[in-house]
């Protein structure tokens, strides 16, 4: 064969290969586009992988931190592409605040298990050093219910329950003897502060004038009541159950009785971290949401208690955790309830527990206006809208294939144990109806 004919055959073969390459490339691109269209937006974005392999989240030794711990122990973080998550115990809510202000760039934390109102208190600078605002986002609600108000055995004969009013006369007698009166909570303006203030005020006891309200870290509550440093306290589990197990005091009311299905702790993160790492944020959200589903299953409760009781997490006897976790409540003065719906809830139908309802944030801001933490002129809706990222929750839920998710940002009117109602559409009406308050409305 001549040199010319050989070259012509080679050129023809090369041309054919090029046409095949272009055809195959086009087909691949078409398949890729079809796959992209078929997948939820979040799932497709997740295919690009998180921007980072993890970050550090803080937690306090409280049962409602369980989803963050279970997501680590059960491999959910790794499953979603953030295997290097560091879940770090914090000494107190004050330490959590300070470490959040530092961020991981300064050896702090970028988010974690926090009291729900902290997002508002941090973002406005109300509780920060030098009143310096730290923009934060509420990403999901970690749990509902599962806290309690407990009373010293000094008042055991009164058998205090929902109605705190019998304490009023007892407090007055004690004060007349020159003795101090102390109610403990965990952080100013936080959930426990608001629960115990509401409960006392509903019984005619002014928490700012009739008793001294102090801050005590959750793990130190029982020891402080044991030595007589407080008359009552509000904290999450397992510390109320431990108090009863040690016969130091008794539970007057669980917070589920106070406000059934109330929100409590959240996964909150620094806004700058979330904005810089949207895919990693989605990965963390999905991991924690899967952990919440695991935590909510009754067949997992015993293992959950065993895991979080370990030395590296809570370092607490498992029997101080598993009773109330399962809904078996020993109040400590002869009253017991089995299989109670007041147990801590983590997920709920369609993720209704996990979803960060804006209407619930509206109550927390309003209640903090009541006690003077925020000014009466505070634009409640604007504050909630800039801190609550329910949109990110919905994106993660869609990627996970969760069905029946909330379609509104409001749960509607809420009712408390004393019959008072809160309409998130009219928080001012709620404030006007309260007898004991600091806000002038």
Protein backbone atom coordinates (compact mmCIF):
# COMPACT_ATOMS: atom_id res chain seq x y z
CA UNK A 1 0.00 0.00 0.00
CA UNK A 2 1.30 3.46 -0.88
CA UNK A 3 2.25 6.03 1.71
CA UNK A 4 -0.62 8.25 0.51
CA UNK A 5 -3.30 5.55 0.91
CA UNK A 6 -1.96 4.62 4.39
CA UNK A 7 -2.21 8.25 5.53
CA UNK A 8 -5.75 8.56 4.14
CA UNK A 9 -6.88 5.42 6.04
CA UNK A 10 -5.33 6.73 9.27
CA UNK A 11 -7.03 10.10 8.86
CA UNK A 12 -10.38 8.39 8.30
CA UNK A 13 -9.90 6.26 11.41
CA UNK A 14 -8.96 9.33 13.47
CA UNK A 15 -12.03 11.18 12.21
CA UNK A 16 -14.24 8.26 13.19
CA UNK A 17 -12.71 8.17 16.67
CA UNK A 18 -13.30 11.87 17.09
CA UNK A 19 -16.94 11.55 16.05
CA UNK A 20 -17.41 8.66 18.49
CA UNK A 21 -15.75 10.66 21.29
CA UNK A 22 -17.97 13.67 20.66
CA UNK A 23 -21.09 11.49 20.52
CA UNK A 24 -20.19 9.67 23.76
CA UNK A 25 -19.34 12.93 25.49
CA UNK A 26 -22.68 14.41 24.49
CA UNK A 27 -24.50 11.33 25.74
CA UNK A 28 -22.64 11.45 29.05
CA UNK A 29 -23.46 15.13 29.44
CA UNK A 30 -27.12 14.41 28.76
CA UNK A 31 -27.18 11.66 31.38
CA UNK A 32 -25.42 13.94 33.86
CA UNK A 33 -27.97 16.69 33.25
CA UNK A 34 -30.84 14.23 33.65
CA UNK A 35 -29.42 12.98 36.93
CA UNK A 36 -29.03 16.52 38.16
CA UNK A 37 -32.65 17.30 37.29
CA UNK A 38 -33.91 14.15 39.02
CA UNK A 39 -32.10 14.77 42.31
CA UNK A 40 -33.15 17.37 44.88
CA UNK A 41 -31.04 20.52 44.71
CA UNK A 42 -29.47 19.80 48.09
CA UNK A 43 -28.51 16.25 47.13
CA UNK A 44 -26.86 17.41 43.94
CA UNK A 45 -24.96 20.17 45.74
CA UNK A 46 -23.87 17.59 48.29
CA UNK A 47 -22.24 15.65 45.48
CA UNK A 48 -19.63 18.41 45.30
CA UNK A 49 -18.66 17.52 48.86
CA UNK A 50 -18.50 19.67 51.99
CA UNK A 51 -16.01 22.55 51.98
CA UNK A 52 -14.39 21.16 55.14
CA UNK A 53 -14.27 17.73 56.77
CA UNK A 54 -15.63 18.98 60.06
CA UNK A 55 -15.51 21.58 62.82
CA UNK A 56 -15.89 21.78 66.60
CA UNK A 57 -19.30 21.87 68.29
CA UNK A 58 -19.79 22.38 72.00
CA UNK A 59 -22.21 20.66 74.35
CA UNK A 60 -23.17 20.68 78.03
CA UNK A 61 -23.70 17.39 79.89
CA UNK A 62 -27.47 17.35 79.40
CA UNK A 63 -29.60 14.62 77.85
CA UNK A 64 -30.79 16.97 75.11
CA UNK A 65 -27.25 17.11 73.70
CA UNK A 66 -27.68 13.45 72.71
CA UNK A 67 -28.25 13.98 68.94
CA UNK A 68 -24.86 15.66 68.53
CA UNK A 69 -23.18 12.80 70.39
CA UNK A 70 -25.11 10.03 68.64
CA UNK A 71 -24.29 11.55 65.24
CA UNK A 72 -20.62 11.02 66.17
CA UNK A 73 -21.00 7.60 67.80
CA UNK A 74 -23.19 6.15 65.04
CA UNK A 75 -21.16 7.50 62.13
CA UNK A 76 -23.75 9.92 60.75
CA UNK A 77 -21.24 12.76 60.41
CA UNK A 78 -18.89 10.50 58.44
CA UNK A 79 -21.79 9.26 56.30
CA UNK A 80 -22.51 12.81 55.16
CA UNK A 81 -18.91 13.78 54.47
CA UNK A 82 -17.83 15.50 57.70
CA UNK A 83 -15.92 12.74 59.53
CA UNK A 84 -13.70 15.11 61.51
CA UNK A 85 -16.38 16.58 63.76
CA UNK A 86 -15.17 17.36 67.29
CA UNK A 87 -17.98 17.31 69.88
CA UNK A 88 -16.43 19.05 72.87
CA UNK A 89 -17.81 19.27 76.41
CA UNK A 90 -18.19 22.78 77.84
CA UNK A 91 -17.97 23.60 81.55
CA UNK A 92 -20.94 25.99 81.59
CA UNK A 93 -23.20 28.05 79.35
CA UNK A 94 -20.93 31.00 80.04
CA UNK A 95 -17.95 29.02 78.75
CA UNK A 96 -19.99 28.03 75.70
CA UNK A 97 -20.67 31.71 74.98
CA UNK A 98 -17.01 32.66 75.31
CA UNK A 99 -15.81 29.79 73.14
CA UNK A 100 -18.45 30.60 70.53
CA UNK A 101 -17.16 34.17 70.39
CA UNK A 102 -13.64 32.83 69.71
CA UNK A 103 -14.63 30.40 66.95
CA UNK A 104 -12.36 27.53 65.93
CA UNK A 105 -9.92 29.95 64.32
CA UNK A 106 -9.05 31.07 67.84
CA UNK A 107 -9.34 27.60 69.44
CA UNK A 108 -13.01 27.99 70.33
CA UNK A 109 -16.14 26.43 68.81
CA UNK A 110 -18.19 27.25 65.72
CA UNK A 111 -21.52 26.07 67.10
CA UNK A 112 -23.19 23.48 69.22
CA UNK A 113 -25.91 22.50 71.67
CA UNK A 114 -27.21 25.77 73.10
CA UNK A 115 -30.24 27.21 74.88
CA UNK A 116 -32.65 28.40 72.20
CA UNK A 117 -32.76 32.10 73.25
CA UNK A 118 -28.97 32.30 73.08
CA UNK A 119 -29.15 32.86 69.33
CA UNK A 120 -31.00 36.11 69.96
CA UNK A 121 -28.90 37.08 72.99
CA UNK A 122 -25.60 36.48 71.16
CA UNK A 123 -26.67 38.09 67.90
CA UNK A 124 -27.70 41.31 69.63
CA UNK A 125 -24.68 41.35 71.93
CA UNK A 126 -26.91 41.38 75.03
CA UNK A 127 -24.85 38.78 76.89
CA UNK A 128 -21.53 39.17 75.07
CA UNK A 129 -18.37 40.79 76.37
CA UNK A 130 -18.35 44.52 75.60
CA UNK A 131 -21.86 43.99 74.17
CA UNK A 132 -20.24 42.95 70.91
CA UNK A 133 -22.85 41.22 68.67
CA UNK A 134 -22.03 37.70 67.50
CA UNK A 135 -24.32 36.87 64.54
CA UNK A 136 -25.76 33.38 65.00
CA UNK A 137 -28.20 31.08 63.24
CA UNK A 138 -30.71 28.64 64.71
CA UNK A 139 -30.42 25.59 62.42
CA UNK A 140 -32.66 23.06 64.12
CA UNK A 141 -34.44 22.36 67.39
CA UNK A 142 -32.69 19.51 69.20
CA UNK A 143 -35.57 18.50 71.47
CA UNK A 144 -38.89 19.24 73.10
CA UNK A 145 -39.65 18.90 76.83
CA UNK A 146 -37.41 17.00 79.25
CA UNK A 147 -36.51 19.73 81.76
CA UNK A 148 -37.89 20.24 85.27
CA UNK A 149 -38.19 22.58 88.23
CA UNK A 150 -37.08 20.93 91.44
CA UNK A 151 -37.50 22.04 95.05
CA UNK A 152 -35.44 21.46 98.18
CA UNK A 153 -36.62 18.89 100.72
CA UNK A 154 -37.03 21.88 103.05
CA UNK A 155 -40.41 22.31 101.32
CA UNK A 156 -41.35 18.65 101.02
CA UNK A 157 -44.33 19.03 103.36
CA UNK A 158 -45.86 21.54 100.93
CA UNK A 159 -45.83 19.01 98.08
CA UNK A 160 -45.30 21.76 95.52
CA UNK A 161 -46.45 20.92 91.99
CA UNK A 162 -47.70 23.15 89.16
CA UNK A 163 -48.92 25.82 91.57
CA UNK A 164 -45.95 27.59 93.15
CA UNK A 165 -48.11 29.89 95.32
CA UNK A 166 -47.71 27.86 98.56
CA UNK A 167 -44.04 28.82 98.44
CA UNK A 168 -44.89 32.51 98.76
CA UNK A 169 -45.78 32.35 102.46
CA UNK A 170 -42.92 29.92 103.14
CA UNK A 171 -40.48 32.28 101.45
CA UNK A 172 -41.81 35.23 103.45
CA UNK A 173 -41.33 33.33 106.73
CA UNK A 174 -37.80 32.37 105.78
CA UNK A 175 -36.96 35.92 104.73
CA UNK A 176 -38.33 37.24 108.05
CA UNK A 177 -35.78 35.01 109.78
CA UNK A 178 -33.00 36.79 107.90
CA UNK A 179 -32.27 33.85 105.64
CA UNK A 180 -31.45 34.09 101.94
CA UNK A 181 -33.84 32.84 99.29
CA UNK A 182 -32.31 31.48 96.11
CA UNK A 183 -33.63 30.08 92.84
CA UNK A 184 -31.06 28.73 90.41
CA UNK A 185 -31.10 28.52 86.65
CA UNK A 186 -28.38 28.01 84.06
CA UNK A 187 -27.98 31.26 82.05
CA UNK A 188 -29.62 34.71 82.13
CA UNK A 189 -32.34 34.91 79.51
CA UNK A 190 -32.00 31.21 78.67
CA UNK A 191 -34.77 28.63 78.71
CA UNK A 192 -34.34 27.61 82.36
CA UNK A 193 -34.32 31.24 83.46
CA UNK A 194 -37.60 31.79 81.60
CA UNK A 195 -39.23 28.58 82.87
CA UNK A 196 -38.54 29.26 86.55
CA UNK A 197 -39.44 32.95 86.31
CA UNK A 198 -42.76 32.15 84.65
CA UNK A 199 -43.57 29.42 87.19
CA UNK A 200 -42.78 31.63 90.19
CA UNK A 201 -44.66 34.62 88.73
CA UNK A 202 -47.72 32.47 87.98
CA UNK A 203 -47.86 31.76 91.73
CA UNK A 204 -47.58 35.44 92.64
CA UNK A 205 -43.85 35.33 93.45
CA UNK A 206 -41.81 38.08 91.80
CA UNK A 207 -38.52 36.49 90.71
CA UNK A 208 -36.71 39.84 90.92
CA UNK A 209 -37.90 41.02 94.34
CA UNK A 210 -39.17 38.02 96.33
CA UNK A 211 -36.21 35.71 95.68
CA UNK A 212 -32.70 35.93 94.30
CA UNK A 213 -32.25 34.22 90.93
CA UNK A 214 -28.68 32.99 90.41
CA UNK A 215 -26.70 31.17 87.70
CA UNK A 216 -25.36 27.66 88.39
CA UNK A 217 -23.90 25.34 85.70
CA UNK A 218 -26.13 22.29 85.15
CA UNK A 219 -23.68 19.66 86.48
CA UNK A 220 -23.33 21.64 89.73
CA UNK A 221 -27.04 21.93 90.56
CA UNK A 222 -27.38 18.82 92.69
CA UNK A 223 -24.24 19.47 94.75
CA UNK A 224 -25.34 23.03 95.48
CA UNK A 225 -28.80 21.99 96.64
CA UNK A 226 -27.25 19.28 98.77
CA UNK A 227 -25.32 21.88 100.81
CA UNK A 228 -28.34 24.18 101.08
CA UNK A 229 -27.32 26.87 98.60
CA UNK A 230 -30.72 27.04 96.88
CA UNK A 231 -34.43 26.65 97.51
CA UNK A 232 -35.36 25.58 94.00
CA UNK A 233 -33.79 25.25 90.57
CA UNK A 234 -34.63 24.69 86.93
CA UNK A 235 -32.35 22.54 84.79
CA UNK A 236 -32.43 19.83 82.15
CA UNK A 237 -31.96 16.12 82.72
CA UNK A 238 -30.28 14.09 84.06
CA UNK A 239 -29.83 16.44 87.02
CA UNK A 240 -33.42 16.47 88.31
CA UNK A 241 -33.51 12.68 88.25
CA UNK A 242 -30.14 12.53 89.99
CA UNK A 243 -31.48 14.88 92.70
CA UNK A 244 -34.39 12.52 93.35
CA UNK A 245 -32.17 9.42 93.25
CA UNK A 246 -29.99 11.01 95.95
CA UNK A 247 -33.05 12.05 98.03
CA UNK A 248 -31.90 15.68 98.18
CA UNK A 249 -35.07 17.26 96.78
CA UNK A 250 -38.05 16.59 94.55
CA UNK A 251 -39.44 17.64 91.20
CA UNK A 252 -42.38 20.03 91.41
CA UNK A 253 -43.15 20.22 87.70
CA UNK A 254 -41.64 18.98 84.48
CA UNK A 255 -41.48 21.58 81.76
CA UNK A 256 -43.69 19.43 79.56
CA UNK A 257 -46.43 20.04 82.16
CA UNK A 258 -45.55 23.73 82.06
CA UNK A 259 -45.86 23.93 78.25
CA UNK A 260 -46.42 20.64 76.44
CA UNK A 261 -44.07 20.13 73.49
CA UNK A 262 -42.10 23.26 74.27
CA UNK A 263 -38.83 23.84 72.39
CA UNK A 264 -35.64 23.66 74.40
CA UNK A 265 -32.10 23.32 73.01
CA UNK A 266 -31.00 23.98 69.45
CA UNK A 267 -28.13 23.36 67.10
CA UNK A 268 -26.89 26.93 66.77
CA UNK A 269 -23.87 28.01 64.73
CA UNK A 270 -21.91 31.14 63.99
CA UNK A 271 -23.44 32.86 60.98
CA UNK A 272 -20.04 33.50 59.40
CA UNK A 273 -19.17 29.79 59.49
CA UNK A 274 -22.50 28.75 57.98
CA UNK A 275 -22.28 31.38 55.25
CA UNK A 276 -18.74 30.30 54.35
CA UNK A 277 -19.52 26.56 54.41
CA UNK A 278 -23.04 25.96 53.04
CA UNK A 279 -22.40 22.36 51.93
CA UNK A 280 -20.71 21.42 55.20
CA UNK A 281 -23.64 23.01 57.05
CA UNK A 282 -26.04 20.82 55.11
CA UNK A 283 -23.93 17.76 55.93
CA UNK A 284 -23.99 18.57 59.66
CA UNK A 285 -27.72 19.23 59.55
CA UNK A 286 -28.46 15.92 57.85
CA UNK A 287 -26.22 13.99 60.25
CA UNK A 288 -27.88 15.50 63.32
CA UNK A 289 -31.37 15.03 61.85
CA UNK A 290 -30.67 11.33 61.30
CA UNK A 291 -29.37 11.13 64.87
CA UNK A 292 -32.58 12.76 66.13
CA UNK A 293 -34.62 10.09 64.36
CA UNK A 294 -32.47 7.39 65.98
CA UNK A 295 -32.80 9.00 69.42
CA UNK A 296 -36.59 9.18 69.16
CA UNK A 297 -37.07 5.43 68.69
CA UNK A 298 -38.09 3.79 71.97
CA UNK A 299 -36.04 0.68 71.21
CA UNK A 300 -32.89 2.84 71.23
CA UNK A 301 -33.46 4.58 74.58
CA UNK A 302 -31.47 2.14 76.68
CA UNK A 303 -28.48 2.24 74.33
CA UNK A 304 -28.75 6.03 74.14
CA UNK A 305 -28.54 6.29 77.93
CA UNK A 306 -25.59 3.88 78.00
CA UNK A 307 -23.69 5.89 75.38
CA UNK A 308 -24.12 9.38 76.84
CA UNK A 309 -23.49 8.17 80.40
CA UNK A 310 -19.91 7.24 79.50
CA UNK A 311 -16.99 9.06 81.04
CA UNK A 312 -16.03 10.86 77.82
CA UNK A 313 -19.54 12.32 77.49
CA UNK A 314 -21.51 12.89 80.74
CA UNK A 315 -19.75 10.68 83.31
CA UNK A 316 -23.10 10.08 85.05
CA UNK A 317 -24.69 6.82 86.27
CA UNK A 318 -26.95 5.44 83.56
CA UNK A 319 -29.82 5.15 86.07
CA UNK A 320 -29.82 8.94 86.38
CA UNK A 321 -30.62 9.15 82.67
CA UNK A 322 -32.75 6.29 81.41
CA UNK A 323 -35.86 6.62 83.61
CA UNK A 324 -37.09 10.02 82.47
CA UNK A 325 -35.67 9.44 78.99
CA UNK A 326 -38.22 6.64 78.64
CA UNK A 327 -41.01 8.67 80.24
CA UNK A 328 -40.85 6.97 83.64
CA UNK A 329 -40.87 9.88 86.09
CA UNK A 330 -40.29 9.58 89.83
CA UNK A 331 -41.02 13.05 91.17
CA UNK A 332 -39.45 12.22 94.51
CA UNK A 333 -42.34 12.68 96.94
CA UNK A 334 -44.45 9.63 96.25
CA UNK A 335 -45.71 10.66 92.81
CA UNK A 336 -44.62 8.47 89.90
CA UNK A 337 -45.70 8.32 86.25
CA UNK A 338 -44.89 5.52 83.80
CA UNK A 339 -44.64 5.84 80.02
CA UNK A 340 -45.39 9.55 80.17
CA UNK A 341 -45.78 11.61 76.98
CA UNK A 342 -43.78 14.26 78.87
CA UNK A 343 -40.55 12.45 78.01
CA UNK A 344 -37.97 14.25 75.91
CA UNK A 345 -38.77 14.21 72.19
CA UNK A 346 -36.14 14.58 69.45
CA UNK A 347 -37.78 14.24 66.02
CA UNK A 348 -41.57 13.89 65.80
CA UNK A 349 -43.80 13.27 62.82
CA UNK A 350 -42.33 14.85 59.70
CA UNK A 351 -39.54 16.29 61.84
CA UNK A 352 -41.96 18.63 63.63
CA UNK A 353 -39.82 18.54 66.80
CA UNK A 354 -36.61 19.26 64.91
CA UNK A 355 -38.04 21.99 62.71
CA UNK A 356 -37.12 25.48 64.03
CA UNK A 357 -40.57 27.11 64.11
CA UNK A 358 -40.22 30.88 63.98
CA UNK A 359 -43.36 31.31 66.08
CA UNK A 360 -41.54 29.65 69.00
CA UNK A 361 -38.59 32.02 68.68
CA UNK A 362 -41.15 34.81 68.80
CA UNK A 363 -42.24 33.67 72.28
CA UNK A 364 -38.66 33.54 73.58
CA UNK A 365 -37.90 37.08 72.42
CA UNK A 366 -41.22 38.30 73.84
CA UNK A 367 -40.62 36.62 77.20
CA UNK A 368 -37.16 38.16 77.38
CA UNK A 369 -38.79 41.54 76.73
CA UNK A 370 -41.04 40.73 79.70
CA UNK A 371 -38.04 40.41 82.02
CA UNK A 372 -36.07 43.33 80.63
CA UNK A 373 -33.48 41.44 78.59
CA UNK A 374 -34.70 43.18 75.43
CA UNK A 375 -36.27 46.60 75.02
CA UNK A 376 -40.05 46.77 74.46
CA UNK A 377 -39.32 48.46 71.13
CA UNK A 378 -37.42 45.41 69.84
CA UNK A 379 -38.46 44.43 66.31
CA UNK A 380 -39.24 40.83 67.19
CA UNK A 381 -39.99 39.65 63.67
CA UNK A 382 -36.80 41.16 62.23
CA UNK A 383 -34.66 39.54 64.93
CA UNK A 384 -36.28 36.14 64.41
CA UNK A 385 -36.06 36.35 60.62
CA UNK A 386 -32.35 37.12 60.60
CA UNK A 387 -31.42 34.38 63.07
CA UNK A 388 -33.79 31.49 62.22
CA UNK A 389 -32.70 29.43 59.19
CA UNK A 390 -35.70 27.18 58.73
CA UNK A 391 -34.90 27.35 55.00
CA UNK A 392 -31.69 25.39 55.56
CA UNK A 393 -33.58 22.80 57.61
CA UNK A 394 -36.09 22.31 54.80
CA UNK A 395 -33.28 21.91 52.27
CA UNK A 396 -31.66 19.20 54.40
CA UNK A 397 -35.01 17.47 54.97
CA UNK A 398 -35.66 17.41 51.23
CA UNK A 399 -32.28 15.82 50.56
CA UNK A 400 -32.98 13.19 53.24
CA UNK A 401 -36.36 12.47 51.68
CA UNK A 402 -38.35 13.44 54.79
CA UNK A 403 -42.08 13.49 54.09
CA UNK A 404 -44.79 15.52 55.78
CA UNK A 405 -42.49 18.39 56.75
CA UNK A 406 -43.98 21.62 58.15
CA UNK A 407 -45.30 23.99 55.50
CA UNK A 408 -45.54 27.05 57.74
CA UNK A 409 -43.25 28.90 60.14
CA UNK A 410 -45.95 29.08 62.84
CA UNK A 411 -47.31 26.42 65.17
CA UNK A 412 -50.16 28.79 65.99
CA UNK A 413 -51.43 29.79 69.44
CA UNK A 414 -49.56 28.22 72.38
CA UNK A 415 -51.18 27.52 75.78
CA UNK A 416 -49.35 27.35 79.13
CA UNK A 417 -50.23 25.43 82.29
CA UNK A 418 -51.94 28.42 83.90
CA UNK A 419 -54.27 28.93 80.94
CA UNK A 420 -52.37 31.90 79.50
CA UNK A 421 -52.20 31.86 75.72
CA UNK A 422 -49.57 33.25 73.39
CA UNK A 423 -50.52 34.28 69.86
CA UNK A 424 -47.31 34.77 67.85
CA UNK A 425 -49.22 37.12 65.57
CA UNK A 426 -49.82 39.49 68.51
CA UNK A 427 -47.03 39.28 71.11
CA UNK A 428 -47.92 42.70 72.52
CA UNK A 429 -51.33 41.41 73.64
CA UNK A 430 -49.57 38.63 75.55
CA UNK A 431 -47.27 41.14 77.27
CA UNK A 432 -50.15 43.42 78.22
CA UNK A 433 -51.97 40.55 79.91
CA UNK A 434 -49.11 39.59 82.25
CA UNK A 435 -49.34 40.77 85.87
CA UNK A 436 -45.68 40.44 86.91
CA UNK A 437 -43.24 41.86 84.38
CA UNK A 438 -40.50 44.44 83.90
CA UNK A 439 -41.59 45.61 80.45
CA UNK A 440 -43.80 48.70 80.32
CA UNK A 441 -46.32 47.95 77.59
